[in-house]
Amino acid sequence: MSQDVTIKITDREGQTHEVQAPTDMNMNIMELVRAYELAPEGTIGTCGGMAMCASCQCYVLNDTMLPEKTDDEEAMLSEAFNVKDNSRLGCQIYISEALKGLEIELAPES
């Protein structure tokens, strides 16, 4: 039986939220941020999670093991603003038990 995992998300105002993320719904980080309304409506996931807009860019703050970046994610990050070495697209990180303890910060709105 799957369990929820706890993920810490720092929003664009600098406030940190500890949220419960379901591992049995095939959700990604972008959808989690939207579900908890941690970014204003229309400012995150504007492409619907297709790795085409970078509005869900986030910074990974700890050493949680994440899946490798896809070519599409690499390409989008190469064109995005405010990119750092720890940047990822939230829409490309699917929630699993391996993400337990993940800490991220939402990148500034471009």
PDB file of N, CA and C in Angstrom:
ATOM      1  N   MET A   1       0.832  -1.179   0.000  1.00  0.00           N
ATOM      2  CA  MET A   1       0.000   0.000   0.000  1.00  0.00           C
ATOM      3  C   MET A   1       0.884   1.253   0.000  1.00  0.00           C
ATOM      4  N   SER A   2       0.572   2.184  -0.858  1.00  0.00           N
ATOM      5  CA  SER A   2       1.347   3.418  -0.971  1.00  0.00           C
ATOM      6  C   SER A   2       1.049   4.348   0.191  1.00  0.00           C
ATOM      7  N   GLN A   3       2.030   5.162   0.504  1.00  0.00           N
ATOM      8  CA  GLN A   3       1.877   6.142   1.554  1.00  0.00           C
ATOM      9  C   GLN A   3       2.138   7.528   0.992  1.00  0.00           C
ATOM     10  N   ASP A   4       1.615   8.520   1.686  1.00  0.00           N
ATOM     11  CA  ASP A   4       1.961   9.892   1.339  1.00  0.00           C
ATOM     12  C   ASP A   4       3.383  10.155   1.835  1.00  0.00           C
ATOM     13  N   VAL A   5       4.066  11.070   1.143  1.00  0.00           N
ATOM     14  CA  VAL A   5       5.384  11.501   1.595  1.00  0.00           C
ATOM     15  C   VAL A   5       5.322  12.985   1.937  1.00  0.00           C
ATOM     16  N   THR A   6       6.188  13.409   2.821  1.00  0.00           N
ATOM     17  CA  THR A   6       6.248  14.817   3.205  1.00  0.00           C
ATOM     18  C   THR A   6       7.285  15.518   2.346  1.00  0.00           C
ATOM     19  N   ILE A   7       6.884  16.643   1.766  1.00  0.00           N
ATOM     20  CA  ILE A   7       7.768  17.452   0.933  1.00  0.00           C
ATOM     21  C   ILE A   7       7.691  18.885   1.447  1.00  0.00           C
ATOM     22  N   LYS A   8       8.847  19.549   1.532  1.00  0.00           N
ATOM     23  CA  LYS A   8       8.897  20.946   1.951  1.00  0.00           C
ATOM     24  C   LYS A   8       9.028  21.821   0.704  1.00  0.00           C
ATOM     25  N   ILE A   9       8.110  22.761   0.565  1.00  0.00           N
ATOM     26  CA  ILE A   9       8.097  23.657  -0.598  1.00  0.00           C
ATOM     27  C   ILE A   9       8.151  25.098  -0.092  1.00  0.00           C
ATOM     28  N   THR A  10       9.176  25.823  -0.540  1.00  0.00           N
ATOM     29  CA  THR A  10       9.273  27.243  -0.228  1.00  0.00           C
ATOM     30  C   THR A  10       8.666  28.009  -1.392  1.00  0.00           C
ATOM     31  N   ASP A  11       7.631  28.796  -1.095  1.00  0.00           N
ATOM     32  CA  ASP A  11       6.935  29.523  -2.163  1.00  0.00           C
ATOM     33  C   ASP A  11       7.731  30.757  -2.589  1.00  0.00           C
ATOM     34  N   ARG A  12       7.204  31.494  -3.539  1.00  0.00           N
ATOM     35  CA  ARG A  12       7.922  32.644  -4.100  1.00  0.00           C
ATOM     36  C   ARG A  12       7.995  33.824  -3.142  1.00  0.00           C
ATOM     37  N   GLU A  13       7.266  33.788  -2.043  1.00  0.00           N
ATOM     38  CA  GLU A  13       7.357  34.829  -1.019  1.00  0.00           C
ATOM     39  C   GLU A  13       8.323  34.428   0.089  1.00  0.00           C
ATOM     40  N   GLY A  14       8.909  33.238  -0.004  1.00  0.00           N
ATOM     41  CA  GLY A  14       9.870  32.778   0.988  1.00  0.00           C
ATOM     42  C   GLY A  14       9.282  31.988   2.131  1.00  0.00           C
ATOM     43  N   GLN A  15       7.981  31.721   2.089  1.00  0.00           N
ATOM     44  CA  GLN A  15       7.340  30.946   3.152  1.00  0.00           C
ATOM     45  C   GLN A  15       7.462  29.456   2.834  1.00  0.00           C
ATOM     46  N   THR A  16       7.870  28.671   3.832  1.00  0.00           N
ATOM     47  CA  THR A  16       8.025  27.230   3.642  1.00  0.00           C
ATOM     48  C   THR A  16       6.777  26.491   4.100  1.00  0.00           C
ATOM     49  N   HIS A  17       6.330  25.563   3.271  1.00  0.00           N
ATOM     50  CA  HIS A  17       5.142  24.764   3.549  1.00  0.00           C
ATOM     51  C   HIS A  17       5.559  23.294   3.575  1.00  0.00           C
ATOM     52  N   GLU A  18       5.140  22.580   4.603  1.00  0.00           N
ATOM     53  CA  GLU A  18       5.368  21.139   4.676  1.00  0.00           C
ATOM     54  C   GLU A  18       4.069  20.477   4.246  1.00  0.00           C
ATOM     55  N   VAL A  19       4.092  19.809   3.098  1.00  0.00           N
ATOM     56  CA  VAL A  19       2.862  19.256   2.534  1.00  0.00           C
ATOM     57  C   VAL A  19       2.953  17.739   2.414  1.00  0.00           C
ATOM     58  N   GLN A  20       1.783  17.130   2.399  1.00  0.00           N
ATOM     59  CA  GLN A  20       1.680  15.685   2.193  1.00  0.00           C
ATOM     60  C   GLN A  20       1.411  15.429   0.716  1.00  0.00           C
ATOM     61  N   ALA A  21       2.224  14.577   0.118  1.00  0.00           N
ATOM     62  CA  ALA A  21       2.112  14.289  -1.309  1.00  0.00           C
ATOM     63  C   ALA A  21       1.746  12.825  -1.517  1.00  0.00           C
ATOM     64  N   PRO A  22       0.651  12.571  -2.243  1.00  0.00           N
ATOM     65  CA  PRO A  22       0.239  11.187  -2.472  1.00  0.00           C
ATOM     66  C   PRO A  22       1.155  10.483  -3.475  1.00  0.00           C
ATOM     67  N   THR A  23       1.532   9.252  -3.151  1.00  0.00           N
ATOM     68  CA  THR A  23       2.410   8.493  -4.049  1.00  0.00           C
ATOM     69  C   THR A  23       1.619   7.573  -4.984  1.00  0.00           C
ATOM     70  N   ASP A  24       0.308   7.559  -4.848  1.00  0.00           N
ATOM     71  CA  ASP A  24      -0.506   6.615  -5.616  1.00  0.00           C
ATOM     72  C   ASP A  24      -1.388   7.283  -6.673  1.00  0.00           C
ATOM     73  N   MET A  25      -1.101   8.544  -7.022  1.00  0.00           N
ATOM     74  CA  MET A  25      -1.971   9.254  -7.961  1.00  0.00           C
ATOM     75  C   MET A  25      -1.249   9.706  -9.226  1.00  0.00           C
ATOM     76  N   ASN A  26       0.030   9.328  -9.392  1.00  0.00           N
ATOM     77  CA  ASN A  26       0.825   9.728 -10.557  1.00  0.00           C
ATOM     78  C   ASN A  26       0.893  11.249 -10.704  1.00  0.00           C
ATOM     79  N   MET A  27       0.946  11.951  -9.568  1.00  0.00           N
ATOM     80  CA  MET A  27       1.062  13.411  -9.564  1.00  0.00           C
ATOM     81  C   MET A  27       2.523  13.809  -9.684  1.00  0.00           C
ATOM     82  N   ASN A  28       2.742  15.051 -10.159  1.00  0.00           N
ATOM     83  CA  ASN A  28       4.089  15.596 -10.170  1.00  0.00           C
ATOM     84  C   ASN A  28       4.151  16.812  -9.234  1.00  0.00           C
ATOM     85  N   ILE A  29       5.343  17.353  -9.069  1.00  0.00           N
ATOM     86  CA  ILE A  29       5.540  18.476  -8.149  1.00  0.00           C
ATOM     87  C   ILE A  29       4.725  19.693  -8.572  1.00  0.00           C
ATOM     88  N   MET A  30       4.672  19.981  -9.854  1.00  0.00           N
ATOM     89  CA  MET A  30       3.882  21.119 -10.346  1.00  0.00           C
ATOM     90  C   MET A  30       2.418  20.975  -9.940  1.00  0.00           C
ATOM     91  N   GLU A  31       1.857  19.789 -10.115  1.00  0.00           N
ATOM     92  CA  GLU A  31       0.461  19.550  -9.737  1.00  0.00           C
ATOM     93  C   GLU A  31       0.271  19.664  -8.221  1.00  0.00           C
ATOM     94  N   LEU A  32       1.269  19.244  -7.465  1.00  0.00           N
ATOM     95  CA  LEU A  32       1.214  19.353  -6.004  1.00  0.00           C
ATOM     96  C   LEU A  32       1.172  20.821  -5.584  1.00  0.00           C
ATOM     97  N   VAL A  33       2.013  21.644  -6.198  1.00  0.00           N
ATOM     98  CA  VAL A  33       2.026  23.079  -5.893  1.00  0.00           C
ATOM     99  C   VAL A  33       0.670  23.697  -6.210  1.00  0.00           C
ATOM    100  N   ARG A  34       0.087  23.297  -7.326  1.00  0.00           N
ATOM    101  CA  ARG A  34      -1.228  23.820  -7.694  1.00  0.00           C
ATOM    102  C   ARG A  34      -2.304  23.346  -6.720  1.00  0.00           C
ATOM    103  N   ALA A  35      -2.247  22.071  -6.330  1.00  0.00           N
ATOM    104  CA  ALA A  35      -3.254  21.508  -5.423  1.00  0.00           C
ATOM    105  C   ALA A  35      -3.251  22.233  -4.076  1.00  0.00           C
ATOM    106  N   TYR A  36      -2.078  22.600  -3.593  1.00  0.00           N
ATOM    107  CA  TYR A  36      -1.967  23.307  -2.315  1.00  0.00           C
ATOM    108  C   TYR A  36      -2.024  24.825  -2.485  1.00  0.00           C
ATOM    109  N   GLU A  37      -2.223  25.291  -3.722  1.00  0.00           N
ATOM    110  CA  GLU A  37      -2.327  26.724  -4.031  1.00  0.00           C
ATOM    111  C   GLU A  37      -1.144  27.509  -3.469  1.00  0.00           C
ATOM    112  N   LEU A  38       0.068  27.025  -3.754  1.00  0.00           N
ATOM    113  CA  LEU A  38       1.287  27.657  -3.258  1.00  0.00           C
ATOM    114  C   LEU A  38       1.856  28.683  -4.235  1.00  0.00           C
ATOM    115  N   ALA A  39       1.195  28.851  -5.367  1.00  0.00           N
ATOM    116  CA  ALA A  39       1.554  29.887  -6.337  1.00  0.00           C
ATOM    117  C   ALA A  39       0.247  30.449  -6.881  1.00  0.00           C
ATOM    118  N   PRO A  40       0.220  31.740  -7.203  1.00  0.00           N
ATOM    119  CA  PRO A  40      -1.021  32.319  -7.734  1.00  0.00           C
ATOM    120  C   PRO A  40      -1.510  31.590  -8.986  1.00  0.00           C
ATOM    121  N   GLU A  41      -2.810  31.465  -9.093  1.00  0.00           N
ATOM    122  CA  GLU A  41      -3.439  30.808 -10.244  1.00  0.00           C
ATOM    123  C   GLU A  41      -2.891  31.386 -11.547  1.00  0.00           C
ATOM    124  N   GLY A  42      -2.540  30.522 -12.471  1.00  0.00           N
ATOM    125  CA  GLY A  42      -2.064  30.959 -13.773  1.00  0.00           C
ATOM    126  C   GLY A  42      -0.583  31.278 -13.841  1.00  0.00           C
ATOM    127  N   THR A  43       0.145  31.089 -12.715  1.00  0.00           N
ATOM    128  CA  THR A  43       1.576  31.403 -12.728  1.00  0.00           C
ATOM    129  C   THR A  43       2.459  30.160 -12.693  1.00  0.00           C
ATOM    130  N   ILE A  44       1.865  29.000 -12.590  1.00  0.00           N
ATOM    131  CA  ILE A  44       2.651  27.768 -12.564  1.00  0.00           C
ATOM    132  C   ILE A  44       1.938  26.703 -13.379  1.00  0.00           C
ATOM    133  N   GLY A  45       2.712  25.991 -14.198  1.00  0.00           N
ATOM    134  CA  GLY A  45       2.140  24.937 -15.032  1.00  0.00           C
ATOM    135  C   GLY A  45       1.322  25.462 -16.185  1.00  0.00           C
ATOM    136  N   THR A  46       1.726  26.578 -16.753  1.00  0.00           N
ATOM    137  CA  THR A  46       0.919  27.184 -17.819  1.00  0.00           C
ATOM    138  C   THR A  46       0.880  26.343 -19.091  1.00  0.00           C
ATOM    139  N   CYS A  47       1.857  25.465 -19.287  1.00  0.00           N
ATOM    140  CA  CYS A  47       1.836  24.593 -20.475  1.00  0.00           C
ATOM    141  C   CYS A  47       1.135  23.273 -20.184  1.00  0.00           C
ATOM    142  N   GLY A  48       0.649  23.101 -18.961  1.00  0.00           N
ATOM    143  CA  GLY A  48      -0.045  21.867 -18.606  1.00  0.00           C
ATOM    144  C   GLY A  48       0.869  20.713 -18.267  1.00  0.00           C
ATOM    145  N   GLY A  49       2.133  20.996 -18.012  1.00  0.00           N
ATOM    146  CA  GLY A  49       3.056  19.931 -17.614  1.00  0.00           C
ATOM    147  C   GLY A  49       3.764  19.262 -18.762  1.00  0.00           C
ATOM    148  N   MET A  50       3.935  19.969 -19.863  1.00  0.00           N
ATOM    149  CA  MET A  50       4.555  19.396 -21.069  1.00  0.00           C
ATOM    150  C   MET A  50       6.033  19.764 -21.206  1.00  0.00           C
ATOM    151  N   ALA A  51       6.650  20.346 -20.174  1.00  0.00           N
ATOM    152  CA  ALA A  51       8.053  20.797 -20.204  1.00  0.00           C
ATOM    153  C   ALA A  51       8.287  21.814 -21.315  1.00  0.00           C
ATOM    154  N   MET A  52       7.308  22.732 -21.485  1.00  0.00           N
ATOM    155  CA  MET A  52       7.405  23.699 -22.571  1.00  0.00           C
ATOM    156  C   MET A  52       7.374  25.156 -22.107  1.00  0.00           C
ATOM    157  N   CYS A  53       7.329  25.422 -20.791  1.00  0.00           N
ATOM    158  CA  CYS A  53       7.217  26.820 -20.376  1.00  0.00           C
ATOM    159  C   CYS A  53       8.126  27.209 -19.212  1.00  0.00           C
ATOM    160  N   ALA A  54       8.591  26.288 -18.430  1.00  0.00           N
ATOM    161  CA  ALA A  54       9.453  26.535 -17.264  1.00  0.00           C
ATOM    162  C   ALA A  54       8.782  27.340 -16.156  1.00  0.00           C
ATOM    163  N   SER A  55       7.462  27.512 -16.194  1.00  0.00           N
ATOM    164  CA  SER A  55       6.786  28.240 -15.110  1.00  0.00           C
ATOM    165  C   SER A  55       6.810  27.452 -13.799  1.00  0.00           C
ATOM    166  N   CYS A  56       7.099  26.162 -13.868  1.00  0.00           N
ATOM    167  CA  CYS A  56       7.144  25.327 -12.664  1.00  0.00           C
ATOM    168  C   CYS A  56       8.579  25.055 -12.213  1.00  0.00           C
ATOM    169  N   GLN A  57       9.525  25.840 -12.739  1.00  0.00           N
ATOM    170  CA  GLN A  57      10.918  25.645 -12.352  1.00  0.00           C
ATOM    171  C   GLN A  57      11.069  25.760 -10.843  1.00  0.00           C
ATOM    172  N   CYS A  58      11.858  24.862 -10.283  1.00  0.00           N
ATOM    173  CA  CYS A  58      12.118  24.895  -8.852  1.00  0.00           C
ATOM    174  C   CYS A  58      13.579  24.550  -8.615  1.00  0.00           C
ATOM    175  N   TYR A  59      14.045  24.889  -7.429  1.00  0.00           N
ATOM    176  CA  TYR A  59      15.405  24.590  -7.017  1.00  0.00           C
ATOM    177  C   TYR A  59      15.363  23.474  -5.986  1.00  0.00           C
ATOM    178  N   VAL A  60      16.124  22.424  -6.219  1.00  0.00           N
ATOM    179  CA  VAL A  60      16.200  21.299  -5.285  1.00  0.00           C
ATOM    180  C   VAL A  60      17.205  21.668  -4.203  1.00  0.00           C
ATOM    181  N   LEU A  61      16.757  21.679  -2.952  1.00  0.00           N
ATOM    182  CA  LEU A  61      17.567  22.185  -1.845  1.00  0.00           C
ATOM    183  C   LEU A  61      18.296  21.107  -1.051  1.00  0.00           C
ATOM    184  N   ASN A  62      18.004  19.849  -1.300  1.00  0.00           N
ATOM    185  CA  ASN A  62      18.700  18.788  -0.567  1.00  0.00           C
ATOM    186  C   ASN A  62      19.108  17.672  -1.527  1.00  0.00           C
ATOM    187  N   ASP A  63      19.655  16.601  -0.975  1.00  0.00           N
ATOM    188  CA  ASP A  63      20.225  15.537  -1.806  1.00  0.00           C
ATOM    189  C   ASP A  63      19.268  14.390  -2.099  1.00  0.00           C
ATOM    190  N   THR A  64      17.979  14.656  -2.152  1.00  0.00           N
ATOM    191  CA  THR A  64      17.011  13.611  -2.486  1.00  0.00           C
ATOM    192  C   THR A  64      17.283  13.111  -3.907  1.00  0.00           C
ATOM    193  N   MET A  65      17.279  11.801  -4.080  1.00  0.00           N
ATOM    194  CA  MET A  65      17.520  11.216  -5.412  1.00  0.00           C
ATOM    195  C   MET A  65      16.323  11.480  -6.313  1.00  0.00           C
ATOM    196  N   LEU A  66      16.582  12.109  -7.443  1.00  0.00           N
ATOM    197  CA  LEU A  66      15.543  12.405  -8.421  1.00  0.00           C
ATOM    198  C   LEU A  66      15.840  11.668  -9.713  1.00  0.00           C
ATOM    199  N   PRO A  67      14.806  11.455 -10.532  1.00  0.00           N
ATOM    200  CA  PRO A  67      15.058  10.854 -11.835  1.00  0.00           C
ATOM    201  C   PRO A  67      15.935  11.790 -12.681  1.00  0.00           C
ATOM    202  N   GLU A  68      16.672  11.223 -13.616  1.00  0.00           N
ATOM    203  CA  GLU A  68      17.503  12.020 -14.516  1.00  0.00           C
ATOM    204  C   GLU A  68      16.640  12.989 -15.314  1.00  0.00           C
ATOM    205  N   LYS A  69      17.222  14.115 -15.698  1.00  0.00           N
ATOM    206  CA  LYS A  69      16.516  15.070 -16.547  1.00  0.00           C
ATOM    207  C   LYS A  69      16.339  14.461 -17.934  1.00  0.00           C
ATOM    208  N   THR A  70      15.160  14.669 -18.501  1.00  0.00           N
ATOM    209  CA  THR A  70      14.918  14.238 -19.877  1.00  0.00           C
ATOM    210  C   THR A  70      15.518  15.272 -20.832  1.00  0.00           C
ATOM    211  N   ASP A  71      15.633  14.920 -22.095  1.00  0.00           N
ATOM    212  CA  ASP A  71      16.124  15.869 -23.090  1.00  0.00           C
ATOM    213  C   ASP A  71      15.220  17.094 -23.171  1.00  0.00           C
ATOM    214  N   ASP A  72      13.899  16.887 -23.079  1.00  0.00           N
ATOM    215  CA  ASP A  72      12.958  18.007 -23.127  1.00  0.00           C
ATOM    216  C   ASP A  72      13.164  18.952 -21.941  1.00  0.00           C
ATOM    217  N   GLU A  73      13.381  18.375 -20.757  1.00  0.00           N
ATOM    218  CA  GLU A  73      13.601  19.203 -19.574  1.00  0.00           C
ATOM    219  C   GLU A  73      14.913  19.990 -19.712  1.00  0.00           C
ATOM    220  N   GLU A  74      15.973  19.324 -20.155  1.00  0.00           N
ATOM    221  CA  GLU A  74      17.261  20.004 -20.364  1.00  0.00           C
ATOM    222  C   GLU A  74      17.108  21.163 -21.351  1.00  0.00           C
ATOM    223  N   ALA A  75      16.386  20.917 -22.455  1.00  0.00           N
ATOM    224  CA  ALA A  75      16.200  21.950 -23.479  1.00  0.00           C
ATOM    225  C   ALA A  75      15.441  23.149 -22.926  1.00  0.00           C
ATOM    226  N   MET A  76      14.379  22.889 -22.160  1.00  0.00           N
ATOM    227  CA  MET A  76      13.587  23.991 -21.617  1.00  0.00           C
ATOM    228  C   MET A  76      14.397  24.787 -20.597  1.00  0.00           C
ATOM    229  N   LEU A  77      15.143  24.108 -19.744  1.00  0.00           N
ATOM    230  CA  LEU A  77      15.951  24.809 -18.753  1.00  0.00           C
ATOM    231  C   LEU A  77      17.065  25.632 -19.406  1.00  0.00           C
ATOM    232  N   SER A  78      17.542  25.190 -20.569  1.00  0.00           N
ATOM    233  CA  SER A  78      18.597  25.953 -21.252  1.00  0.00           C
ATOM    234  C   SER A  78      18.082  27.287 -21.780  1.00  0.00           C
ATOM    235  N   GLU A  79      16.746  27.437 -21.894  1.00  0.00           N
ATOM    236  CA  GLU A  79      16.138  28.668 -22.398  1.00  0.00           C
ATOM    237  C   GLU A  79      15.459  29.487 -21.293  1.00  0.00           C
ATOM    238  N   ALA A  80      15.367  28.942 -20.106  1.00  0.00           N
ATOM    239  CA  ALA A  80      14.614  29.588 -19.026  1.00  0.00           C
ATOM    240  C   ALA A  80      15.456  30.657 -18.316  1.00  0.00           C
ATOM    241  N   PHE A  81      14.760  31.517 -17.571  1.00  0.00           N
ATOM    242  CA  PHE A  81      15.404  32.533 -16.751  1.00  0.00           C
ATOM    243  C   PHE A  81      15.648  31.989 -15.349  1.00  0.00           C
ATOM    244  N   ASN A  82      16.562  32.601 -14.618  1.00  0.00           N
ATOM    245  CA  ASN A  82      16.825  32.267 -13.206  1.00  0.00           C
ATOM    246  C   ASN A  82      17.245  30.822 -12.985  1.00  0.00           C
ATOM    247  N   VAL A  83      17.896  30.212 -13.983  1.00  0.00           N
ATOM    248  CA  VAL A  83      18.308  28.806 -13.872  1.00  0.00           C
ATOM    249  C   VAL A  83      19.574  28.711 -13.017  1.00  0.00           C
ATOM    250  N   LYS A  84      19.586  27.719 -12.136  1.00  0.00           N
ATOM    251  CA  LYS A  84      20.743  27.416 -11.299  1.00  0.00           C
ATOM    252  C   LYS A  84      21.138  25.962 -11.539  1.00  0.00           C
ATOM    253  N   ASP A  85      22.261  25.555 -10.962  1.00  0.00           N
ATOM    254  CA  ASP A  85      22.716  24.168 -11.116  1.00  0.00           C
ATOM    255  C   ASP A  85      21.709  23.169 -10.563  1.00  0.00           C
ATOM    256  N   ASN A  86      20.914  23.589  -9.567  1.00  0.00           N
ATOM    257  CA  ASN A  86      19.947  22.690  -8.932  1.00  0.00           C
ATOM    258  C   ASN A  86      18.521  22.882  -9.464  1.00  0.00           C
ATOM    259  N   SER A  87      18.388  23.533 -10.625  1.00  0.00           N
ATOM    260  CA  SER A  87      17.057  23.762 -11.207  1.00  0.00           C
ATOM    261  C   SER A  87      16.478  22.479 -11.802  1.00  0.00           C
ATOM    262  N   ARG A  88      15.186  22.318 -11.596  1.00  0.00           N
ATOM    263  CA  ARG A  88      14.425  21.240 -12.234  1.00  0.00           C
ATOM    264  C   ARG A  88      13.060  21.804 -12.594  1.00  0.00           C
ATOM    265  N   LEU A  89      12.371  21.117 -13.501  1.00  0.00           N
ATOM    266  CA  LEU A  89      10.983  21.453 -13.812  1.00  0.00           C
ATOM    267  C   LEU A  89      10.098  20.574 -12.946  1.00  0.00           C
ATOM    268  N   GLY A  90       9.237  21.203 -12.155  1.00  0.00           N
ATOM    269  CA  GLY A  90       8.363  20.447 -11.258  1.00  0.00           C
ATOM    270  C   GLY A  90       7.473  19.461 -11.981  1.00  0.00           C
ATOM    271  N   CYS A  91       7.094  19.786 -13.218  1.00  0.00           N
ATOM    272  CA  CYS A  91       6.205  18.897 -13.980  1.00  0.00           C
ATOM    273  C   CYS A  91       6.895  17.600 -14.380  1.00  0.00           C
ATOM    274  N   GLN A  92       8.213  17.557 -14.279  1.00  0.00           N
ATOM    275  CA  GLN A  92       8.957  16.366 -14.685  1.00  0.00           C
ATOM    276  C   GLN A  92       9.396  15.505 -13.501  1.00  0.00           C
ATOM    277  N   ILE A  93       9.002  15.909 -12.297  1.00  0.00           N
ATOM    278  CA  ILE A  93       9.345  15.138 -11.094  1.00  0.00           C
ATOM    279  C   ILE A  93       8.065  14.518 -10.553  1.00  0.00           C
ATOM    280  N   TYR A  94       7.894  13.231 -10.800  1.00  0.00           N
ATOM    281  CA  TYR A  94       6.695  12.533 -10.336  1.00  0.00           C
ATOM    282  C   TYR A  94       6.883  12.060  -8.897  1.00  0.00           C
ATOM    283  N   ILE A  95       5.816  12.184  -8.140  1.00  0.00           N
ATOM    284  CA  ILE A  95       5.869  11.883  -6.714  1.00  0.00           C
ATOM    285  C   ILE A  95       5.900  10.378  -6.492  1.00  0.00           C
ATOM    286  N   SER A  96       6.909   9.962  -5.746  1.00  0.00           N
ATOM    287  CA  SER A  96       7.055   8.554  -5.365  1.00  0.00           C
ATOM    288  C   SER A  96       7.606   8.525  -3.945  1.00  0.00           C
ATOM    289  N   GLU A  97       7.669   7.346  -3.373  1.00  0.00           N
ATOM    290  CA  GLU A  97       8.185   7.226  -2.012  1.00  0.00           C
ATOM    291  C   GLU A  97       9.646   7.658  -1.934  1.00  0.00           C
ATOM    292  N   ALA A  98      10.363   7.625  -3.072  1.00  0.00           N
ATOM    293  CA  ALA A  98      11.765   8.053  -3.104  1.00  0.00           C
ATOM    294  C   ALA A  98      11.914   9.553  -2.833  1.00  0.00           C
ATOM    295  N   LEU A  99      10.834  10.327  -2.981  1.00  0.00           N
ATOM    296  CA  LEU A  99      10.894  11.771  -2.758  1.00  0.00           C
ATOM    297  C   LEU A  99      10.678  12.172  -1.307  1.00  0.00           C
ATOM    298  N   LYS A 100      10.515  11.199  -0.432  1.00  0.00           N
ATOM    299  CA  LYS A 100      10.308  11.498   0.994  1.00  0.00           C
ATOM    300  C   LYS A 100      11.410  12.428   1.488  1.00  0.00           C
ATOM    301  N   GLY A 101      10.995  13.572   2.058  1.00  0.00           N
ATOM    302  CA  GLY A 101      11.950  14.526   2.595  1.00  0.00           C
ATOM    303  C   GLY A 101      12.476  15.536   1.580  1.00  0.00           C
ATOM    304  N   LEU A 102      12.006  15.492   0.354  1.00  0.00           N
ATOM    305  CA  LEU A 102      12.440  16.449  -0.667  1.00  0.00           C
ATOM    306  C   LEU A 102      12.170  17.874  -0.198  1.00  0.00           C
ATOM    307  N   GLU A 103      13.124  18.758  -0.451  1.00  0.00           N
ATOM    308  CA  GLU A 103      12.952  20.177  -0.148  1.00  0.00           C
ATOM    309  C   GLU A 103      13.231  20.971  -1.416  1.00  0.00           C
ATOM    310  N   ILE A 104      12.257  21.783  -1.830  1.00  0.00           N
ATOM    311  CA  ILE A 104      12.407  22.593  -3.028  1.00  0.00           C
ATOM    312  C   ILE A 104      11.998  24.043  -2.757  1.00  0.00           C
ATOM    313  N   GLU A 105      12.458  24.905  -3.622  1.00  0.00           N
ATOM    314  CA  GLU A 105      12.062  26.316  -3.589  1.00  0.00           C
ATOM    315  C   GLU A 105      11.576  26.673  -4.993  1.00  0.00           C
ATOM    316  N   LEU A 106      10.427  27.327  -5.094  1.00  0.00           N
ATOM    317  CA  LEU A 106       9.923  27.742  -6.395  1.00  0.00           C
ATOM    318  C   LEU A 106      10.798  28.858  -6.934  1.00  0.00           C
ATOM    319  N   ALA A 107      11.180  28.750  -8.200  1.00  0.00           N
ATOM    320  CA  ALA A 107      11.978  29.797  -8.838  1.00  0.00           C
ATOM    321  C   ALA A 107      11.125  31.043  -9.004  1.00  0.00           C
ATOM    322  N   PRO A 108      11.765  32.222  -9.070  1.00  0.00           N
ATOM    323  CA  PRO A 108      10.997  33.448  -9.284  1.00  0.00           C
ATOM    324  C   PRO A 108      10.199  33.379 -10.582  1.00  0.00           C
ATOM    325  N   GLU A 109       9.087  34.073 -10.600  1.00  0.00           N
ATOM    326  CA  GLU A 109       8.273  34.135 -11.813  1.00  0.00           C
ATOM    327  C   GLU A 109       9.057  34.896 -12.877  1.00  0.00           C
ATOM    328  N   SER A 110       9.139  34.336 -14.067  1.00  0.00           N
ATOM    329  CA  SER A 110       9.935  34.965 -15.139  1.00  0.00           C
ATOM    330  C   SER A 110       9.256  36.172 -15.707  1.00  0.00           C
TER     331      SER A 110
END
